[in-house]
């Protein structure tokens, strides 16, 4: 629980889930932008 599910997830790439630093911007940025269309355009 402490090492595998907390430390490894927070500080290492042991789980191999898009560890590259730019992947977060690609995945989460696209979800928030495209996943809520057309509302972000109206709000801006």
ModelCIF file with pLDDT and N, C-alpha, C, O atoms, coordinates in Angstrom:
data_MODEL
#
_entry.id   MODEL 
#
_entity.id                         1 
_entity.type                       polymer 
_entity.pdbx_number_of_molecules   1 
#
_entity_poly.entity_id                      1 
_entity_poly.type                           'polypeptide(L)' 
_entity_poly.nstd_linkage                   no 
_entity_poly.nstd_monomer                   no 
_entity_poly.pdbx_seq_one_letter_code       
;(UNK)(UNK)(UNK)(UNK)(UNK)(UNK)(UNK)(UNK)(UNK)(UNK)(UNK)(UNK)(UNK)(UNK)(UNK)(UNK)
(UNK)(UNK)(UNK)(UNK)(UNK)(UNK)(UNK)(UNK)(UNK)(UNK)(UNK)(UNK)(UNK)(UNK)(UNK)(UNK)
(UNK)(UNK)(UNK)(UNK)(UNK)(UNK)(UNK)(UNK)(UNK)(UNK)(UNK)(UNK)
;
_entity_poly.pdbx_seq_one_letter_code_can   XXXXXXXXXXXXXXXXXXXXXXXXXXXXXXXXXXXXXXXXXXXX 
_entity_poly.pdbx_strand_id                 A 
#
loop_
_entity_poly_seq.entity_id 
_entity_poly_seq.num 
_entity_poly_seq.mon_id 
_entity_poly_seq.hetero 
1 1  UNK n 
1 2  UNK n 
1 3  UNK n 
1 4  UNK n 
1 5  UNK n 
1 6  UNK n 
1 7  UNK n 
1 8  UNK n 
1 9  UNK n 
1 10 UNK n 
1 11 UNK n 
1 12 UNK n 
1 13 UNK n 
1 14 UNK n 
1 15 UNK n 
1 16 UNK n 
1 17 UNK n 
1 18 UNK n 
1 19 UNK n 
1 20 UNK n 
1 21 UNK n 
1 22 UNK n 
1 23 UNK n 
1 24 UNK n 
1 25 UNK n 
1 26 UNK n 
1 27 UNK n 
1 28 UNK n 
1 29 UNK n 
1 30 UNK n 
1 31 UNK n 
1 32 UNK n 
1 33 UNK n 
1 34 UNK n 
1 35 UNK n 
1 36 UNK n 
1 37 UNK n 
1 38 UNK n 
1 39 UNK n 
1 40 UNK n 
1 41 UNK n 
1 42 UNK n 
1 43 UNK n 
1 44 UNK n 
#
_struct_asym.id          A 
_struct_asym.entity_id   1 
#
loop_
_ma_qa_metric.id 
_ma_qa_metric.mode 
_ma_qa_metric.name 
_ma_qa_metric.software_group_id 
_ma_qa_metric.type 
1 global pLDDT . pLDDT 
2 local  pLDDT . pLDDT 
#
_ma_qa_metric_global.metric_id      1 
_ma_qa_metric_global.metric_value   83.41 
_ma_qa_metric_global.model_id       1 
_ma_qa_metric_global.ordinal_id     1 
#
loop_
_ma_qa_metric_local.label_asym_id 
_ma_qa_metric_local.label_comp_id 
_ma_qa_metric_local.label_seq_id 
_ma_qa_metric_local.metric_id 
_ma_qa_metric_local.metric_value 
_ma_qa_metric_local.model_id 
_ma_qa_metric_local.ordinal_id 
A UNK 1  2 89.00 1 1  
A UNK 2  2 88.00 1 2  
A UNK 3  2 85.00 1 3  
A UNK 4  2 81.00 1 4  
A UNK 5  2 82.00 1 5  
A UNK 6  2 83.00 1 6  
A UNK 7  2 83.00 1 7  
A UNK 8  2 79.00 1 8  
A UNK 9  2 81.00 1 9  
A UNK 10 2 78.00 1 10 
A UNK 11 2 77.00 1 11 
A UNK 12 2 76.00 1 12 
A UNK 13 2 73.00 1 13 
A UNK 14 2 69.00 1 14 
A UNK 15 2 71.00 1 15 
A UNK 16 2 71.00 1 16 
A UNK 17 2 78.00 1 17 
A UNK 18 2 82.00 1 18 
A UNK 19 2 81.00 1 19 
A UNK 20 2 87.00 1 20 
A UNK 21 2 82.00 1 21 
A UNK 22 2 87.00 1 22 
A UNK 23 2 89.00 1 23 
A UNK 24 2 88.00 1 24 
A UNK 25 2 92.00 1 25 
A UNK 26 2 92.00 1 26 
A UNK 27 2 93.00 1 27 
A UNK 28 2 94.00 1 28 
A UNK 29 2 92.00 1 29 
A UNK 30 2 91.00 1 30 
A UNK 31 2 92.00 1 31 
A UNK 32 2 91.00 1 32 
A UNK 33 2 88.00 1 33 
A UNK 34 2 91.00 1 34 
A UNK 35 2 93.00 1 35 
A UNK 36 2 92.00 1 36 
A UNK 37 2 84.00 1 37 
A UNK 38 2 79.00 1 38 
A UNK 39 2 87.00 1 39 
A UNK 40 2 84.00 1 40 
A UNK 41 2 78.00 1 41 
A UNK 42 2 75.00 1 42 
A UNK 43 2 71.00 1 43 
A UNK 44 2 71.00 1 44 
#
loop_
_atom_site.group_PDB 
_atom_site.id 
_atom_site.type_symbol 
_atom_site.label_atom_id 
_atom_site.label_alt_id 
_atom_site.label_comp_id 
_atom_site.label_asym_id 
_atom_site.label_entity_id 
_atom_site.label_seq_id 
_atom_site.pdbx_PDB_ins_code 
_atom_site.Cartn_x 
_atom_site.Cartn_y 
_atom_site.Cartn_z 
_atom_site.occupancy 
_atom_site.B_iso_or_equiv 
_atom_site.pdbx_formal_charge 
_atom_site.auth_seq_id 
_atom_site.auth_comp_id 
_atom_site.auth_asym_id 
_atom_site.auth_atom_id 
_atom_site.pdbx_PDB_model_num 
ATOM 1   N N  . UNK A 1 1  ? 0.824   -1.207 0.000   1.00 89.00 ? 1  UNK A N  1 
ATOM 2   C CA . UNK A 1 1  ? 0.000   0.000  0.000   1.00 89.00 ? 1  UNK A CA 1 
ATOM 3   C C  . UNK A 1 1  ? 0.862   1.264  0.000   1.00 89.00 ? 1  UNK A C  1 
ATOM 4   O O  . UNK A 1 1  ? 0.628   2.180  -0.788  1.00 89.00 ? 1  UNK A O  1 
ATOM 5   N N  . UNK A 1 2  ? 1.861   1.308  0.888   1.00 88.00 ? 2  UNK A N  1 
ATOM 6   C CA . UNK A 1 2  ? 2.638   2.538  1.046   1.00 88.00 ? 2  UNK A CA 1 
ATOM 7   C C  . UNK A 1 2  ? 3.651   2.731  -0.078  1.00 88.00 ? 2  UNK A C  1 
ATOM 8   O O  . UNK A 1 2  ? 3.797   3.829  -0.614  1.00 88.00 ? 2  UNK A O  1 
ATOM 9   N N  . UNK A 1 3  ? 4.336   1.673  -0.421  1.00 85.00 ? 3  UNK A N  1 
ATOM 10  C CA . UNK A 1 3  ? 5.373   1.818  -1.446  1.00 85.00 ? 3  UNK A CA 1 
ATOM 11  C C  . UNK A 1 3  ? 4.811   1.664  -2.855  1.00 85.00 ? 3  UNK A C  1 
ATOM 12  O O  . UNK A 1 3  ? 5.001   2.533  -3.706  1.00 85.00 ? 3  UNK A O  1 
ATOM 13  N N  . UNK A 1 4  ? 4.112   0.546  -3.096  1.00 81.00 ? 4  UNK A N  1 
ATOM 14  C CA . UNK A 1 4  ? 3.640   0.271  -4.449  1.00 81.00 ? 4  UNK A CA 1 
ATOM 15  C C  . UNK A 1 4  ? 2.538   1.189  -4.915  1.00 81.00 ? 4  UNK A C  1 
ATOM 16  O O  . UNK A 1 4  ? 2.530   1.609  -6.071  1.00 81.00 ? 4  UNK A O  1 
ATOM 17  N N  . UNK A 1 5  ? 1.590   1.514  -4.021  1.00 82.00 ? 5  UNK A N  1 
ATOM 18  C CA . UNK A 1 5  ? 0.416   2.282  -4.427  1.00 82.00 ? 5  UNK A CA 1 
ATOM 19  C C  . UNK A 1 5  ? 0.521   3.774  -4.142  1.00 82.00 ? 5  UNK A C  1 
ATOM 20  O O  . UNK A 1 5  ? -0.285  4.546  -4.662  1.00 82.00 ? 5  UNK A O  1 
ATOM 21  N N  . UNK A 1 6  ? 1.487   4.205  -3.334  1.00 83.00 ? 6  UNK A N  1 
ATOM 22  C CA . UNK A 1 6  ? 1.634   5.631  -3.032  1.00 83.00 ? 6  UNK A CA 1 
ATOM 23  C C  . UNK A 1 6  ? 2.970   6.155  -3.564  1.00 83.00 ? 6  UNK A C  1 
ATOM 24  O O  . UNK A 1 6  ? 3.000   7.005  -4.454  1.00 83.00 ? 6  UNK A O  1 
ATOM 25  N N  . UNK A 1 7  ? 4.070   5.644  -3.015  1.00 83.00 ? 7  UNK A N  1 
ATOM 26  C CA . UNK A 1 7  ? 5.391   6.161  -3.386  1.00 83.00 ? 7  UNK A CA 1 
ATOM 27  C C  . UNK A 1 7  ? 5.681   5.939  -4.863  1.00 83.00 ? 7  UNK A C  1 
ATOM 28  O O  . UNK A 1 7  ? 6.097   6.866  -5.557  1.00 83.00 ? 7  UNK A O  1 
ATOM 29  N N  . UNK A 1 8  ? 5.463   4.706  -5.356  1.00 79.00 ? 8  UNK A N  1 
ATOM 30  C CA . UNK A 1 8  ? 5.769   4.415  -6.758  1.00 79.00 ? 8  UNK A CA 1 
ATOM 31  C C  . UNK A 1 8  ? 4.905   5.225  -7.708  1.00 79.00 ? 8  UNK A C  1 
ATOM 32  O O  . UNK A 1 8  ? 5.385   5.679  -8.748  1.00 79.00 ? 8  UNK A O  1 
ATOM 33  N N  . UNK A 1 9  ? 3.628   5.414  -7.362  1.00 81.00 ? 9  UNK A N  1 
ATOM 34  C CA . UNK A 1 9  ? 2.745   6.182  -8.245  1.00 81.00 ? 9  UNK A CA 1 
ATOM 35  C C  . UNK A 1 9  ? 3.081   7.664  -8.239  1.00 81.00 ? 9  UNK A C  1 
ATOM 36  O O  . UNK A 1 9  ? 2.995   8.330  -9.271  1.00 81.00 ? 9  UNK A O  1 
ATOM 37  N N  . UNK A 1 10 ? 3.463   8.183  -7.074  1.00 78.00 ? 10 UNK A N  1 
ATOM 38  C CA . UNK A 1 10 ? 3.715   9.615  -6.958  1.00 78.00 ? 10 UNK A CA 1 
ATOM 39  C C  . UNK A 1 10 ? 5.091   10.026 -7.467  1.00 78.00 ? 10 UNK A C  1 
ATOM 40  O O  . UNK A 1 10 ? 5.253   11.129 -7.989  1.00 78.00 ? 10 UNK A O  1 
ATOM 41  N N  . UNK A 1 11 ? 6.085   9.149  -7.321  1.00 77.00 ? 11 UNK A N  1 
ATOM 42  C CA . UNK A 1 11 ? 7.450   9.605  -7.546  1.00 77.00 ? 11 UNK A CA 1 
ATOM 43  C C  . UNK A 1 11 ? 8.237   8.780  -8.562  1.00 77.00 ? 11 UNK A C  1 
ATOM 44  O O  . UNK A 1 11 ? 9.371   9.136  -8.883  1.00 77.00 ? 11 UNK A O  1 
ATOM 45  N N  . UNK A 1 12 ? 7.670   7.692  -9.074  1.00 76.00 ? 12 UNK A N  1 
ATOM 46  C CA . UNK A 1 12 ? 8.413   6.875  -10.021 1.00 76.00 ? 12 UNK A CA 1 
ATOM 47  C C  . UNK A 1 12 ? 7.530   6.540  -11.221 1.00 76.00 ? 12 UNK A C  1 
ATOM 48  O O  . UNK A 1 12 ? 6.327   6.797  -11.215 1.00 76.00 ? 12 UNK A O  1 
ATOM 49  N N  . UNK A 1 13 ? 8.142   5.971  -12.237 1.00 73.00 ? 13 UNK A N  1 
ATOM 50  C CA . UNK A 1 13 ? 7.406   5.533  -13.426 1.00 73.00 ? 13 UNK A CA 1 
ATOM 51  C C  . UNK A 1 13 ? 7.250   4.020  -13.438 1.00 73.00 ? 13 UNK A C  1 
ATOM 52  O O  . UNK A 1 13 ? 7.154   3.409  -14.502 1.00 73.00 ? 13 UNK A O  1 
ATOM 53  N N  . UNK A 1 14 ? 7.225   3.410  -12.242 1.00 69.00 ? 14 UNK A N  1 
ATOM 54  C CA . UNK A 1 14 ? 7.184   1.956  -12.142 1.00 69.00 ? 14 UNK A CA 1 
ATOM 55  C C  . UNK A 1 14 ? 5.959   1.367  -12.815 1.00 69.00 ? 14 UNK A C  1 
ATOM 56  O O  . UNK A 1 14 ? 6.016   0.253  -13.335 1.00 69.00 ? 14 UNK A O  1 
ATOM 57  N N  . UNK A 1 15 ? 4.846   2.102  -12.813 1.00 71.00 ? 15 UNK A N  1 
ATOM 58  C CA . UNK A 1 15 ? 3.618   1.565  -13.385 1.00 71.00 ? 15 UNK A CA 1 
ATOM 59  C C  . UNK A 1 15 ? 3.545   1.772  -14.897 1.00 71.00 ? 15 UNK A C  1 
ATOM 60  O O  . UNK A 1 15 ? 2.653   1.233  -15.551 1.00 71.00 ? 15 UNK A O  1 
ATOM 61  N N  . UNK A 1 16 ? 4.474   2.548  -15.457 1.00 71.00 ? 16 UNK A N  1 
ATOM 62  C CA . UNK A 1 16 ? 4.556   2.693  -16.906 1.00 71.00 ? 16 UNK A CA 1 
ATOM 63  C C  . UNK A 1 16 ? 3.333   3.322  -17.542 1.00 71.00 ? 16 UNK A C  1 
ATOM 64  O O  . UNK A 1 16 ? 2.913   2.898  -18.618 1.00 71.00 ? 16 UNK A O  1 
ATOM 65  N N  . UNK A 1 17 ? 2.756   4.320  -16.903 1.00 78.00 ? 17 UNK A N  1 
ATOM 66  C CA . UNK A 1 17 ? 1.545   4.958  -17.432 1.00 78.00 ? 17 UNK A CA 1 
ATOM 67  C C  . UNK A 1 17 ? 1.859   6.388  -17.865 1.00 78.00 ? 17 UNK A C  1 
ATOM 68  O O  . UNK A 1 17 ? 1.657   7.344  -17.117 1.00 78.00 ? 17 UNK A O  1 
ATOM 69  N N  . UNK A 1 18 ? 2.354   6.503  -19.086 1.00 82.00 ? 18 UNK A N  1 
ATOM 70  C CA . UNK A 1 18 ? 2.675   7.801  -19.687 1.00 82.00 ? 18 UNK A CA 1 
ATOM 71  C C  . UNK A 1 18 ? 3.574   8.644  -18.779 1.00 82.00 ? 18 UNK A C  1 
ATOM 72  O O  . UNK A 1 18 ? 3.186   9.746  -18.389 1.00 82.00 ? 18 UNK A O  1 
ATOM 73  N N  . UNK A 1 19 ? 4.773   8.145  -18.433 1.00 81.00 ? 19 UNK A N  1 
ATOM 74  C CA . UNK A 1 19 ? 5.635   8.873  -17.495 1.00 81.00 ? 19 UNK A CA 1 
ATOM 75  C C  . UNK A 1 19 ? 6.314   10.102 -18.090 1.00 81.00 ? 19 UNK A C  1 
ATOM 76  O O  . UNK A 1 19 ? 6.829   10.930 -17.338 1.00 81.00 ? 19 UNK A O  1 
ATOM 77  N N  . UNK A 1 20 ? 6.331   10.251 -19.428 1.00 87.00 ? 20 UNK A N  1 
ATOM 78  C CA . UNK A 1 20 ? 6.989   11.402 -20.026 1.00 87.00 ? 20 UNK A CA 1 
ATOM 79  C C  . UNK A 1 20 ? 6.329   12.702 -19.544 1.00 87.00 ? 20 UNK A C  1 
ATOM 80  O O  . UNK A 1 20 ? 5.105   12.778 -19.438 1.00 87.00 ? 20 UNK A O  1 
ATOM 81  N N  . UNK A 1 21 ? 7.140   13.714 -19.256 1.00 82.00 ? 21 UNK A N  1 
ATOM 82  C CA . UNK A 1 21 ? 6.629   14.931 -18.621 1.00 82.00 ? 21 UNK A CA 1 
ATOM 83  C C  . UNK A 1 21 ? 5.567   15.624 -19.468 1.00 82.00 ? 21 UNK A C  1 
ATOM 84  O O  . UNK A 1 21 ? 4.662   16.262 -18.930 1.00 82.00 ? 21 UNK A O  1 
ATOM 85  N N  . UNK A 1 22 ? 5.671   15.502 -20.798 1.00 87.00 ? 22 UNK A N  1 
ATOM 86  C CA . UNK A 1 22 ? 4.740   16.213 -21.673 1.00 87.00 ? 22 UNK A CA 1 
ATOM 87  C C  . UNK A 1 22 ? 3.423   15.472 -21.864 1.00 87.00 ? 22 UNK A C  1 
ATOM 88  O O  . UNK A 1 22 ? 2.456   16.048 -22.364 1.00 87.00 ? 22 UNK A O  1 
ATOM 89  N N  . UNK A 1 23 ? 3.374   14.182 -21.466 1.00 89.00 ? 23 UNK A N  1 
ATOM 90  C CA . UNK A 1 23 ? 2.154   13.414 -21.702 1.00 89.00 ? 23 UNK A CA 1 
ATOM 91  C C  . UNK A 1 23 ? 0.970   13.967 -20.912 1.00 89.00 ? 23 UNK A C  1 
ATOM 92  O O  . UNK A 1 23 ? -0.170  13.902 -21.374 1.00 89.00 ? 23 UNK A O  1 
ATOM 93  N N  . UNK A 1 24 ? 1.233   14.506 -19.734 1.00 88.00 ? 24 UNK A N  1 
ATOM 94  C CA . UNK A 1 24 ? 0.144   15.070 -18.947 1.00 88.00 ? 24 UNK A CA 1 
ATOM 95  C C  . UNK A 1 24 ? -0.536  16.228 -19.657 1.00 88.00 ? 24 UNK A C  1 
ATOM 96  O O  . UNK A 1 24 ? -1.763  16.325 -19.655 1.00 88.00 ? 24 UNK A O  1 
ATOM 97  N N  . UNK A 1 25 ? 0.254   17.107 -20.265 1.00 92.00 ? 25 UNK A N  1 
ATOM 98  C CA . UNK A 1 25 ? -0.314  18.243 -20.996 1.00 92.00 ? 25 UNK A CA 1 
ATOM 99  C C  . UNK A 1 25 ? -1.104  17.761 -22.203 1.00 92.00 ? 25 UNK A C  1 
ATOM 100 O O  . UNK A 1 25 ? -2.151  18.316 -22.535 1.00 92.00 ? 25 UNK A O  1 
ATOM 101 N N  . UNK A 1 26 ? -0.585  16.706 -22.865 1.00 92.00 ? 26 UNK A N  1 
ATOM 102 C CA . UNK A 1 26 ? -1.285  16.184 -24.033 1.00 92.00 ? 26 UNK A CA 1 
ATOM 103 C C  . UNK A 1 26 ? -2.613  15.533 -23.648 1.00 92.00 ? 26 UNK A C  1 
ATOM 104 O O  . UNK A 1 26 ? -3.646  15.803 -24.261 1.00 92.00 ? 26 UNK A O  1 
ATOM 105 N N  . UNK A 1 27 ? -2.577  14.671 -22.622 1.00 93.00 ? 27 UNK A N  1 
ATOM 106 C CA . UNK A 1 27 ? -3.771  13.914 -22.253 1.00 93.00 ? 27 UNK A CA 1 
ATOM 107 C C  . UNK A 1 27 ? -4.808  14.813 -21.587 1.00 93.00 ? 27 UNK A C  1 
ATOM 108 O O  . UNK A 1 27 ? -5.956  14.881 -22.027 1.00 93.00 ? 27 UNK A O  1 
ATOM 109 N N  . UNK A 1 28 ? -4.397  15.501 -20.526 1.00 94.00 ? 28 UNK A N  1 
ATOM 110 C CA . UNK A 1 28 ? -5.364  16.274 -19.750 1.00 94.00 ? 28 UNK A CA 1 
ATOM 111 C C  . UNK A 1 28 ? -5.778  17.555 -20.461 1.00 94.00 ? 28 UNK A C  1 
ATOM 112 O O  . UNK A 1 28 ? -6.928  17.983 -20.368 1.00 94.00 ? 28 UNK A O  1 
ATOM 113 N N  . UNK A 1 29 ? -4.829  18.164 -21.176 1.00 92.00 ? 29 UNK A N  1 
ATOM 114 C CA . UNK A 1 29 ? -5.187  19.378 -21.913 1.00 92.00 ? 29 UNK A CA 1 
ATOM 115 C C  . UNK A 1 29 ? -6.212  19.090 -22.993 1.00 92.00 ? 29 UNK A C  1 
ATOM 116 O O  . UNK A 1 29 ? -7.174  19.840 -23.159 1.00 92.00 ? 29 UNK A O  1 
ATOM 117 N N  . UNK A 1 30 ? -6.008  18.003 -23.728 1.00 91.00 ? 30 UNK A N  1 
ATOM 118 C CA . UNK A 1 30 ? -6.957  17.678 -24.798 1.00 91.00 ? 30 UNK A CA 1 
ATOM 119 C C  . UNK A 1 30 ? -8.316  17.289 -24.236 1.00 91.00 ? 30 UNK A C  1 
ATOM 120 O O  . UNK A 1 30 ? -9.343  17.613 -24.833 1.00 91.00 ? 30 UNK A O  1 
ATOM 121 N N  . UNK A 1 31 ? -8.341  16.600 -23.097 1.00 92.00 ? 31 UNK A N  1 
ATOM 122 C CA . UNK A 1 31 ? -9.618  16.216 -22.495 1.00 92.00 ? 31 UNK A CA 1 
ATOM 123 C C  . UNK A 1 31 ? -10.420 17.426 -22.041 1.00 92.00 ? 31 UNK A C  1 
ATOM 124 O O  . UNK A 1 31 ? -11.625 17.501 -22.282 1.00 92.00 ? 31 UNK A O  1 
ATOM 125 N N  . UNK A 1 32 ? -9.761  18.368 -21.389 1.00 91.00 ? 32 UNK A N  1 
ATOM 126 C CA . UNK A 1 32 ? -10.482 19.542 -20.899 1.00 91.00 ? 32 UNK A CA 1 
ATOM 127 C C  . UNK A 1 32 ? -10.895 20.468 -22.033 1.00 91.00 ? 32 UNK A C  1 
ATOM 128 O O  . UNK A 1 32 ? -11.923 21.140 -21.944 1.00 91.00 ? 32 UNK A O  1 
ATOM 129 N N  . UNK A 1 33 ? -10.108 20.507 -23.088 1.00 88.00 ? 33 UNK A N  1 
ATOM 130 C CA . UNK A 1 33 ? -10.443 21.392 -24.205 1.00 88.00 ? 33 UNK A CA 1 
ATOM 131 C C  . UNK A 1 33 ? -11.495 20.761 -25.115 1.00 88.00 ? 33 UNK A C  1 
ATOM 132 O O  . UNK A 1 33 ? -12.548 21.349 -25.358 1.00 88.00 ? 33 UNK A O  1 
ATOM 133 N N  . UNK A 1 34 ? -11.199 19.553 -25.618 1.00 91.00 ? 34 UNK A N  1 
ATOM 134 C CA . UNK A 1 34 ? -12.111 18.915 -26.570 1.00 91.00 ? 34 UNK A CA 1 
ATOM 135 C C  . UNK A 1 34 ? -13.246 18.175 -25.878 1.00 91.00 ? 34 UNK A C  1 
ATOM 136 O O  . UNK A 1 34 ? -14.332 18.048 -26.443 1.00 91.00 ? 34 UNK A O  1 
ATOM 137 N N  . UNK A 1 35 ? -13.013 17.687 -24.670 1.00 93.00 ? 35 UNK A N  1 
ATOM 138 C CA . UNK A 1 35 ? -14.017 16.902 -23.984 1.00 93.00 ? 35 UNK A CA 1 
ATOM 139 C C  . UNK A 1 35 ? -15.183 17.698 -23.451 1.00 93.00 ? 35 UNK A C  1 
ATOM 140 O O  . UNK A 1 35 ? -16.172 17.114 -23.007 1.00 93.00 ? 35 UNK A O  1 
ATOM 141 N N  . UNK A 1 36 ? -15.096 19.031 -23.481 1.00 92.00 ? 36 UNK A N  1 
ATOM 142 C CA . UNK A 1 36 ? -16.182 19.883 -22.987 1.00 92.00 ? 36 UNK A CA 1 
ATOM 143 C C  . UNK A 1 36 ? -16.720 20.827 -24.055 1.00 92.00 ? 36 UNK A C  1 
ATOM 144 O O  . UNK A 1 36 ? -17.467 21.758 -23.755 1.00 92.00 ? 36 UNK A O  1 
ATOM 145 N N  . UNK A 1 37 ? -16.328 20.577 -25.319 1.00 84.00 ? 37 UNK A N  1 
ATOM 146 C CA . UNK A 1 37 ? -16.851 21.429 -26.388 1.00 84.00 ? 37 UNK A CA 1 
ATOM 147 C C  . UNK A 1 37 ? -18.373 21.321 -26.466 1.00 84.00 ? 37 UNK A C  1 
ATOM 148 O O  . UNK A 1 37 ? -18.923 20.249 -26.211 1.00 84.00 ? 37 UNK A O  1 
ATOM 149 N N  . UNK A 1 38 ? -19.067 22.414 -26.815 1.00 79.00 ? 38 UNK A N  1 
ATOM 150 C CA . UNK A 1 38 ? -18.543 23.722 -27.242 1.00 79.00 ? 38 UNK A CA 1 
ATOM 151 C C  . UNK A 1 38 ? -18.428 24.739 -26.103 1.00 79.00 ? 38 UNK A C  1 
ATOM 152 O O  . UNK A 1 38 ? -18.160 25.915 -26.347 1.00 79.00 ? 38 UNK A O  1 
ATOM 153 N N  . UNK A 1 39 ? -18.630 24.291 -24.866 1.00 87.00 ? 39 UNK A N  1 
ATOM 154 C CA . UNK A 1 39 ? -18.749 25.228 -23.754 1.00 87.00 ? 39 UNK A CA 1 
ATOM 155 C C  . UNK A 1 39 ? -17.512 26.090 -23.515 1.00 87.00 ? 39 UNK A C  1 
ATOM 156 O O  . UNK A 1 39 ? -17.682 27.270 -23.209 1.00 87.00 ? 39 UNK A O  1 
ATOM 157 N N  . UNK A 1 40 ? -16.267 25.585 -23.632 1.00 84.00 ? 40 UNK A N  1 
ATOM 158 C CA . UNK A 1 40 ? -15.118 26.484 -23.420 1.00 84.00 ? 40 UNK A CA 1 
ATOM 159 C C  . UNK A 1 40 ? -15.094 27.670 -24.375 1.00 84.00 ? 40 UNK A C  1 
ATOM 160 O O  . UNK A 1 40 ? -14.668 28.760 -23.990 1.00 84.00 ? 40 UNK A O  1 
ATOM 161 N N  . UNK A 1 41 ? -15.546 27.477 -25.619 1.00 78.00 ? 41 UNK A N  1 
ATOM 162 C CA . UNK A 1 41 ? -15.560 28.584 -26.583 1.00 78.00 ? 41 UNK A CA 1 
ATOM 163 C C  . UNK A 1 41 ? -16.545 29.669 -26.157 1.00 78.00 ? 41 UNK A C  1 
ATOM 164 O O  . UNK A 1 41 ? -16.227 30.857 -26.213 1.00 78.00 ? 41 UNK A O  1 
ATOM 165 N N  . UNK A 1 42 ? -17.747 29.260 -25.728 1.00 75.00 ? 42 UNK A N  1 
ATOM 166 C CA . UNK A 1 42 ? -18.731 30.234 -25.262 1.00 75.00 ? 42 UNK A CA 1 
ATOM 167 C C  . UNK A 1 42 ? -18.247 30.966 -24.019 1.00 75.00 ? 42 UNK A C  1 
ATOM 168 O O  . UNK A 1 42 ? -18.432 32.176 -23.885 1.00 75.00 ? 42 UNK A O  1 
ATOM 169 N N  . UNK A 1 43 ? -17.621 30.214 -23.104 1.00 71.00 ? 43 UNK A N  1 
ATOM 170 C CA . UNK A 1 43 ? -17.161 30.832 -21.860 1.00 71.00 ? 43 UNK A CA 1 
ATOM 171 C C  . UNK A 1 43 ? -16.047 31.839 -22.123 1.00 71.00 ? 43 UNK A C  1 
ATOM 172 O O  . UNK A 1 43 ? -16.035 32.917 -21.530 1.00 71.00 ? 43 UNK A O  1 
ATOM 173 N N  . UNK A 1 44 ? -15.100 31.493 -23.018 1.00 71.00 ? 44 UNK A N  1 
ATOM 174 C CA . UNK A 1 44 ? -14.021 32.434 -23.336 1.00 71.00 ? 44 UNK A CA 1 
ATOM 175 C C  . UNK A 1 44 ? -14.562 33.689 -24.006 1.00 71.00 ? 44 UNK A C  1 
ATOM 176 O O  . UNK A 1 44 ? -13.793 34.589 -24.343 1.00 71.00 ? 44 UNK A O  1 
#
